[in-house]
Amino acid sequence: MRLPFRITICGLEELPGCAETRISHVLSILAPDWPVPMAFGSFGPHKRMELRFHDVIDETPGMLPPQPGHVEQLLAFGHGLSVEPPAEPHLLVHCHVGVSRSSAAMGLVLAQAMPKCPSRNILIRLSLL
């Protein structure tokens, strides 16, 4: 399976190590009250979108689960990689740990970018990261 752009998934601790990888797009998924990571100051020019929700599925007191609007924003951002791709497109998706929210988000972006690719293949690709 050939991806339409390079992909990286990571957590907050790994962000500083990504500064030299020529990232063109960053999708940040953070808790609502978390500060913007300082690591982005060392990244080169890139487009960035920030989504803020907790790593929960159900309504939990004091926690904000992902909403349909978050998915719409995520897909619109991912669509920009296909419509106006930079010379070397490279999407970095991160959340706090780099496991659940970021992997799910990357899966949605890849499914949108490669509609003929079976979802099983996308999930296998993500499991190899």
N, C-alpha and C. Protein backbone atom coordinates (compact mmCIF):
# COMPACT_ATOMS: atom_id res chain seq x y z
N MET A 1 0.85 -1.18 0.00
CA MET A 1 0.00 0.00 0.00
C MET A 1 0.89 1.24 0.00
N ARG A 2 0.78 2.03 -1.01
CA ARG A 2 1.54 3.27 -1.11
C ARG A 2 0.69 4.41 -0.55
N LEU A 3 1.24 5.09 0.44
CA LEU A 3 0.52 6.20 1.05
C LEU A 3 0.67 7.46 0.21
N PRO A 4 -0.34 8.31 0.20
CA PRO A 4 -0.27 9.55 -0.58
C PRO A 4 0.62 10.62 0.05
N PHE A 5 1.05 10.40 1.29
CA PHE A 5 1.94 11.32 1.99
C PHE A 5 2.61 10.57 3.13
N ARG A 6 3.73 11.09 3.59
CA ARG A 6 4.41 10.48 4.74
C ARG A 6 3.57 10.71 5.99
N ILE A 7 3.64 9.76 6.91
CA ILE A 7 2.88 9.89 8.15
C ILE A 7 3.76 9.61 9.36
N THR A 8 3.47 10.31 10.44
CA THR A 8 4.12 10.08 11.72
C THR A 8 3.05 10.22 12.79
N ILE A 9 3.07 9.31 13.75
CA ILE A 9 2.20 9.39 14.92
C ILE A 9 3.10 9.39 16.14
N CYS A 10 2.83 10.29 17.08
CA CYS A 10 3.66 10.32 18.28
C CYS A 10 2.91 10.93 19.44
N GLY A 11 3.54 10.88 20.59
CA GLY A 11 3.03 11.51 21.80
C GLY A 11 3.79 12.79 22.07
N LEU A 12 3.41 13.48 23.13
CA LEU A 12 4.03 14.76 23.47
C LEU A 12 5.54 14.64 23.69
N GLU A 13 5.98 13.59 24.36
CA GLU A 13 7.41 13.44 24.66
C GLU A 13 8.25 13.27 23.40
N GLU A 14 7.66 12.77 22.33
CA GLU A 14 8.40 12.52 21.09
C GLU A 14 8.41 13.71 20.14
N LEU A 15 7.61 14.73 20.41
CA LEU A 15 7.52 15.87 19.50
C LEU A 15 8.87 16.53 19.22
N PRO A 16 9.72 16.80 20.22
CA PRO A 16 11.00 17.46 19.91
C PRO A 16 11.84 16.69 18.89
N GLY A 17 11.78 15.38 18.90
CA GLY A 17 12.53 14.57 17.95
C GLY A 17 11.99 14.62 16.53
N CYS A 18 10.81 15.17 16.35
CA CYS A 18 10.20 15.25 15.02
C CYS A 18 10.53 16.56 14.30
N ALA A 19 11.18 17.48 14.98
CA ALA A 19 11.45 18.80 14.42
C ALA A 19 12.29 18.75 13.15
N GLU A 20 13.14 17.76 13.03
CA GLU A 20 14.05 17.66 11.88
C GLU A 20 13.49 16.81 10.74
N THR A 21 12.25 16.35 10.84
CA THR A 21 11.72 15.43 9.84
C THR A 21 10.92 16.10 8.73
N ARG A 22 10.98 17.40 8.65
CA ARG A 22 10.31 18.15 7.58
C ARG A 22 8.82 17.85 7.53
N ILE A 23 8.15 18.17 8.60
CA ILE A 23 6.71 17.99 8.72
C ILE A 23 6.02 19.13 7.97
N SER A 24 5.04 18.80 7.14
CA SER A 24 4.30 19.85 6.43
C SER A 24 2.96 20.18 7.10
N HIS A 25 2.40 19.18 7.81
CA HIS A 25 1.10 19.34 8.46
C HIS A 25 1.13 18.68 9.84
N VAL A 26 0.55 19.35 10.82
CA VAL A 26 0.47 18.80 12.17
C VAL A 26 -0.98 18.84 12.64
N LEU A 27 -1.45 17.71 13.12
CA LEU A 27 -2.74 17.63 13.77
C LEU A 27 -2.48 17.35 15.24
N SER A 28 -2.78 18.32 16.09
CA SER A 28 -2.59 18.19 17.53
C SER A 28 -3.93 17.84 18.17
N ILE A 29 -3.94 16.77 18.96
CA ILE A 29 -5.14 16.40 19.71
C ILE A 29 -4.75 16.45 21.18
N LEU A 30 -5.31 17.44 21.86
CA LEU A 30 -4.93 17.71 23.24
C LEU A 30 -6.15 17.78 24.15
N ALA A 31 -5.92 17.59 25.44
CA ALA A 31 -6.98 17.80 26.42
C ALA A 31 -7.35 19.28 26.41
N PRO A 32 -8.59 19.61 26.71
CA PRO A 32 -9.04 21.01 26.62
C PRO A 32 -8.20 22.02 27.39
N ASP A 33 -7.63 21.65 28.51
CA ASP A 33 -6.87 22.60 29.33
C ASP A 33 -5.36 22.47 29.19
N TRP A 34 -4.88 21.69 28.24
CA TRP A 34 -3.44 21.45 28.07
C TRP A 34 -2.81 22.60 27.29
N PRO A 35 -1.62 23.07 27.69
CA PRO A 35 -0.98 24.14 26.94
C PRO A 35 -0.48 23.66 25.57
N VAL A 36 -0.29 24.59 24.67
CA VAL A 36 0.27 24.27 23.35
C VAL A 36 1.72 23.82 23.56
N PRO A 37 2.11 22.68 23.00
CA PRO A 37 3.48 22.20 23.18
C PRO A 37 4.51 23.19 22.63
N MET A 38 5.55 23.43 23.40
CA MET A 38 6.60 24.36 23.00
C MET A 38 7.44 23.82 21.84
N ALA A 39 7.41 22.52 21.62
CA ALA A 39 8.23 21.89 20.57
C ALA A 39 7.94 22.47 19.19
N PHE A 40 6.74 22.99 18.97
CA PHE A 40 6.41 23.50 17.64
C PHE A 40 7.25 24.72 17.26
N GLY A 41 7.84 25.38 18.22
CA GLY A 41 8.72 26.51 17.94
C GLY A 41 9.97 26.10 17.17
N SER A 42 10.35 24.81 17.26
CA SER A 42 11.54 24.35 16.54
C SER A 42 11.19 23.67 15.22
N PHE A 43 9.91 23.56 14.89
CA PHE A 43 9.49 22.99 13.62
C PHE A 43 9.64 24.05 12.54
N GLY A 44 9.88 23.62 11.33
CA GLY A 44 9.89 24.54 10.20
C GLY A 44 8.46 24.97 9.89
N PRO A 45 8.28 25.69 8.79
CA PRO A 45 6.93 26.11 8.40
C PRO A 45 6.02 24.89 8.21
N HIS A 46 4.82 24.95 8.75
CA HIS A 46 3.87 23.86 8.62
C HIS A 46 2.46 24.38 8.89
N LYS A 47 1.50 23.65 8.36
CA LYS A 47 0.10 23.95 8.67
C LYS A 47 -0.26 23.12 9.90
N ARG A 48 -1.02 23.73 10.80
CA ARG A 48 -1.34 23.04 12.04
C ARG A 48 -2.80 23.24 12.40
N MET A 49 -3.41 22.16 12.84
CA MET A 49 -4.77 22.22 13.37
C MET A 49 -4.76 21.58 14.75
N GLU A 50 -5.52 22.17 15.64
CA GLU A 50 -5.59 21.69 17.01
C GLU A 50 -7.02 21.29 17.33
N LEU A 51 -7.19 20.08 17.82
CA LEU A 51 -8.48 19.62 18.32
C LEU A 51 -8.33 19.37 19.81
N ARG A 52 -9.34 19.73 20.57
CA ARG A 52 -9.24 19.57 22.03
C ARG A 52 -10.43 18.79 22.57
N PHE A 53 -10.12 17.60 23.07
CA PHE A 53 -11.09 16.76 23.76
C PHE A 53 -10.32 15.73 24.57
N HIS A 54 -11.00 15.13 25.53
CA HIS A 54 -10.36 14.13 26.38
C HIS A 54 -10.36 12.76 25.71
N ASP A 55 -9.53 11.87 26.22
CA ASP A 55 -9.42 10.51 25.70
C ASP A 55 -10.48 9.63 26.38
N VAL A 56 -11.74 9.92 26.08
CA VAL A 56 -12.88 9.17 26.60
C VAL A 56 -13.87 8.95 25.47
N ILE A 57 -14.71 7.95 25.65
CA ILE A 57 -15.73 7.66 24.64
C ILE A 57 -17.10 8.15 25.10
N ASP A 58 -17.43 7.86 26.34
CA ASP A 58 -18.75 8.19 26.87
C ASP A 58 -18.72 9.52 27.61
N GLU A 59 -19.90 10.08 27.78
CA GLU A 59 -20.04 11.28 28.60
C GLU A 59 -19.61 10.94 30.02
N THR A 60 -18.65 11.68 30.51
CA THR A 60 -18.14 11.49 31.86
C THR A 60 -18.09 12.87 32.49
N PRO A 61 -18.55 13.01 33.72
CA PRO A 61 -18.52 14.33 34.36
C PRO A 61 -17.12 14.96 34.31
N GLY A 62 -17.06 16.19 33.85
CA GLY A 62 -15.80 16.91 33.78
C GLY A 62 -14.92 16.57 32.58
N MET A 63 -15.38 15.69 31.72
CA MET A 63 -14.59 15.26 30.56
C MET A 63 -15.35 15.58 29.28
N LEU A 64 -14.62 16.01 28.25
CA LEU A 64 -15.21 16.31 26.95
C LEU A 64 -14.83 15.21 25.97
N PRO A 65 -15.78 14.38 25.56
CA PRO A 65 -15.48 13.36 24.55
C PRO A 65 -15.42 13.99 23.16
N PRO A 66 -14.85 13.27 22.19
CA PRO A 66 -14.86 13.79 20.82
C PRO A 66 -16.29 13.98 20.33
N GLN A 67 -16.48 15.01 19.54
CA GLN A 67 -17.80 15.37 19.02
C GLN A 67 -17.80 15.22 17.49
N PRO A 68 -18.97 15.10 16.87
CA PRO A 68 -19.03 15.03 15.41
C PRO A 68 -18.29 16.20 14.73
N GLY A 69 -18.35 17.37 15.32
CA GLY A 69 -17.65 18.52 14.74
C GLY A 69 -16.14 18.32 14.71
N HIS A 70 -15.59 17.60 15.67
CA HIS A 70 -14.16 17.31 15.67
C HIS A 70 -13.79 16.45 14.45
N VAL A 71 -14.64 15.47 14.17
CA VAL A 71 -14.40 14.59 13.02
C VAL A 71 -14.47 15.40 11.72
N GLU A 72 -15.44 16.29 11.63
CA GLU A 72 -15.58 17.12 10.43
C GLU A 72 -14.33 17.99 10.24
N GLN A 73 -13.84 18.60 11.31
CA GLN A 73 -12.63 19.44 11.23
C GLN A 73 -11.43 18.60 10.81
N LEU A 74 -11.30 17.44 11.40
CA LEU A 74 -10.19 16.54 11.10
C LEU A 74 -10.18 16.14 9.63
N LEU A 75 -11.34 15.78 9.11
CA LEU A 75 -11.42 15.38 7.70
C LEU A 75 -11.18 16.56 6.76
N ALA A 76 -11.63 17.74 7.13
CA ALA A 76 -11.36 18.92 6.31
C ALA A 76 -9.87 19.21 6.27
N PHE A 77 -9.20 19.08 7.39
CA PHE A 77 -7.75 19.29 7.44
C PHE A 77 -7.03 18.25 6.58
N GLY A 78 -7.42 16.99 6.72
CA GLY A 78 -6.82 15.92 5.92
C GLY A 78 -7.07 16.10 4.44
N HIS A 79 -8.24 16.60 4.09
CA HIS A 79 -8.58 16.83 2.68
C HIS A 79 -7.61 17.83 2.06
N GLY A 80 -7.16 18.80 2.84
CA GLY A 80 -6.20 19.78 2.34
C GLY A 80 -4.89 19.16 1.88
N LEU A 81 -4.52 18.03 2.46
CA LEU A 81 -3.30 17.34 2.03
C LEU A 81 -3.43 16.79 0.62
N SER A 82 -4.65 16.43 0.23
CA SER A 82 -4.88 15.88 -1.11
C SER A 82 -5.15 16.96 -2.14
N VAL A 83 -5.85 18.01 -1.73
CA VAL A 83 -6.24 19.05 -2.67
C VAL A 83 -5.08 19.98 -2.99
N GLU A 84 -4.34 20.38 -1.98
CA GLU A 84 -3.21 21.30 -2.15
C GLU A 84 -1.96 20.71 -1.51
N PRO A 85 -1.48 19.57 -2.04
CA PRO A 85 -0.33 18.94 -1.38
C PRO A 85 0.95 19.75 -1.57
N PRO A 86 1.75 19.86 -0.50
CA PRO A 86 3.05 20.50 -0.66
C PRO A 86 3.97 19.57 -1.45
N ALA A 87 5.15 20.05 -1.78
CA ALA A 87 6.09 19.25 -2.57
C ALA A 87 6.41 17.92 -1.87
N GLU A 88 6.60 17.95 -0.57
CA GLU A 88 6.88 16.74 0.20
C GLU A 88 5.91 16.66 1.38
N PRO A 89 4.69 16.19 1.13
CA PRO A 89 3.70 16.17 2.21
C PRO A 89 4.06 15.17 3.31
N HIS A 90 3.97 15.61 4.53
CA HIS A 90 4.27 14.77 5.69
C HIS A 90 3.35 15.19 6.82
N LEU A 91 2.44 14.32 7.19
CA LEU A 91 1.47 14.59 8.24
C LEU A 91 1.92 13.98 9.56
N LEU A 92 2.00 14.80 10.58
CA LEU A 92 2.27 14.36 11.94
C LEU A 92 0.97 14.50 12.73
N VAL A 93 0.53 13.41 13.34
CA VAL A 93 -0.62 13.45 14.23
C VAL A 93 -0.12 13.07 15.61
N HIS A 94 -0.44 13.89 16.59
CA HIS A 94 -0.02 13.56 17.95
C HIS A 94 -1.16 13.82 18.93
N CYS A 95 -1.10 13.08 20.00
CA CYS A 95 -1.95 13.33 21.16
C CYS A 95 -1.01 13.28 22.36
N HIS A 96 -1.51 13.03 23.53
CA HIS A 96 -0.65 13.04 24.70
C HIS A 96 0.33 11.87 24.70
N VAL A 97 -0.14 10.67 24.39
CA VAL A 97 0.72 9.49 24.43
C VAL A 97 1.04 8.97 23.03
N GLY A 98 0.21 9.26 22.05
CA GLY A 98 0.46 8.80 20.68
C GLY A 98 -0.14 7.45 20.38
N VAL A 99 -1.21 7.09 21.08
CA VAL A 99 -1.79 5.77 20.88
C VAL A 99 -3.23 5.85 20.38
N SER A 100 -4.16 6.18 21.22
CA SER A 100 -5.57 6.03 20.85
C SER A 100 -6.11 7.15 19.98
N ARG A 101 -6.13 8.39 20.46
CA ARG A 101 -6.72 9.48 19.68
C ARG A 101 -5.95 9.73 18.39
N SER A 102 -4.64 9.72 18.46
CA SER A 102 -3.84 10.02 17.26
C SER A 102 -3.95 8.91 16.22
N SER A 103 -3.94 7.65 16.65
CA SER A 103 -4.06 6.55 15.69
C SER A 103 -5.44 6.54 15.03
N ALA A 104 -6.48 6.78 15.83
CA ALA A 104 -7.83 6.83 15.26
C ALA A 104 -7.95 7.98 14.25
N ALA A 105 -7.39 9.13 14.60
CA ALA A 105 -7.44 10.29 13.70
C ALA A 105 -6.69 10.00 12.40
N MET A 106 -5.50 9.41 12.51
CA MET A 106 -4.72 9.10 11.30
C MET A 106 -5.47 8.09 10.44
N GLY A 107 -6.13 7.12 11.06
CA GLY A 107 -6.91 6.15 10.30
C GLY A 107 -8.00 6.81 9.49
N LEU A 108 -8.68 7.79 10.08
CA LEU A 108 -9.72 8.52 9.35
C LEU A 108 -9.14 9.30 8.18
N VAL A 109 -8.03 9.98 8.40
CA VAL A 109 -7.39 10.77 7.33
C VAL A 109 -6.96 9.86 6.19
N LEU A 110 -6.36 8.72 6.51
CA LEU A 110 -5.91 7.80 5.47
C LEU A 110 -7.08 7.17 4.72
N ALA A 111 -8.14 6.82 5.44
CA ALA A 111 -9.32 6.25 4.77
C ALA A 111 -9.92 7.26 3.78
N GLN A 112 -9.91 8.51 4.15
CA GLN A 112 -10.42 9.56 3.27
C GLN A 112 -9.50 9.75 2.06
N ALA A 113 -8.20 9.72 2.28
CA ALA A 113 -7.24 9.95 1.20
C ALA A 113 -7.14 8.77 0.24
N MET A 114 -7.48 7.57 0.72
CA MET A 114 -7.36 6.36 -0.10
C MET A 114 -8.68 5.58 -0.05
N PRO A 115 -9.74 6.12 -0.64
CA PRO A 115 -11.06 5.50 -0.50
C PRO A 115 -11.16 4.08 -1.06
N LYS A 116 -10.30 3.70 -1.97
CA LYS A 116 -10.36 2.35 -2.54
C LYS A 116 -9.55 1.34 -1.74
N CYS A 117 -8.79 1.81 -0.78
CA CYS A 117 -7.97 0.92 0.04
C CYS A 117 -8.84 0.28 1.12
N PRO A 118 -8.79 -1.03 1.25
CA PRO A 118 -9.58 -1.68 2.30
C PRO A 118 -9.17 -1.18 3.69
N SER A 119 -10.14 -0.96 4.54
CA SER A 119 -9.86 -0.44 5.88
C SER A 119 -8.92 -1.37 6.64
N ARG A 120 -8.99 -2.65 6.38
CA ARG A 120 -8.08 -3.60 7.03
C ARG A 120 -6.63 -3.25 6.73
N ASN A 121 -6.34 -2.89 5.49
CA ASN A 121 -4.96 -2.54 5.11
C ASN A 121 -4.50 -1.27 5.81
N ILE A 122 -5.41 -0.32 5.97
CA ILE A 122 -5.07 0.92 6.68
C ILE A 122 -4.75 0.61 8.13
N LEU A 123 -5.57 -0.22 8.75
CA LEU A 123 -5.34 -0.57 10.15
C LEU A 123 -4.04 -1.35 10.33
N ILE A 124 -3.73 -2.23 9.40
CA ILE A 124 -2.46 -2.96 9.46
C ILE A 124 -1.30 -1.99 9.34
N ARG A 125 -1.38 -1.04 8.43
CA ARG A 125 -0.33 -0.04 8.26
C ARG A 125 -0.12 0.76 9.53
N LEU A 126 -1.20 1.17 10.16
CA LEU A 126 -1.10 1.93 11.41
C LEU A 126 -0.49 1.10 12.53
N SER A 127 -0.77 -0.18 12.54
CA SER A 127 -0.22 -1.04 13.60
C SER A 127 1.29 -1.21 13.45
N LEU A 128 1.82 -0.92 12.28
CA LEU A 128 3.27 -1.06 12.04
C LEU A 128 4.05 0.16 12.46
N LEU A 129 3.37 1.27 12.76
CA LEU A 129 4.06 2.50 13.14
C LEU A 129 4.59 2.41 14.55
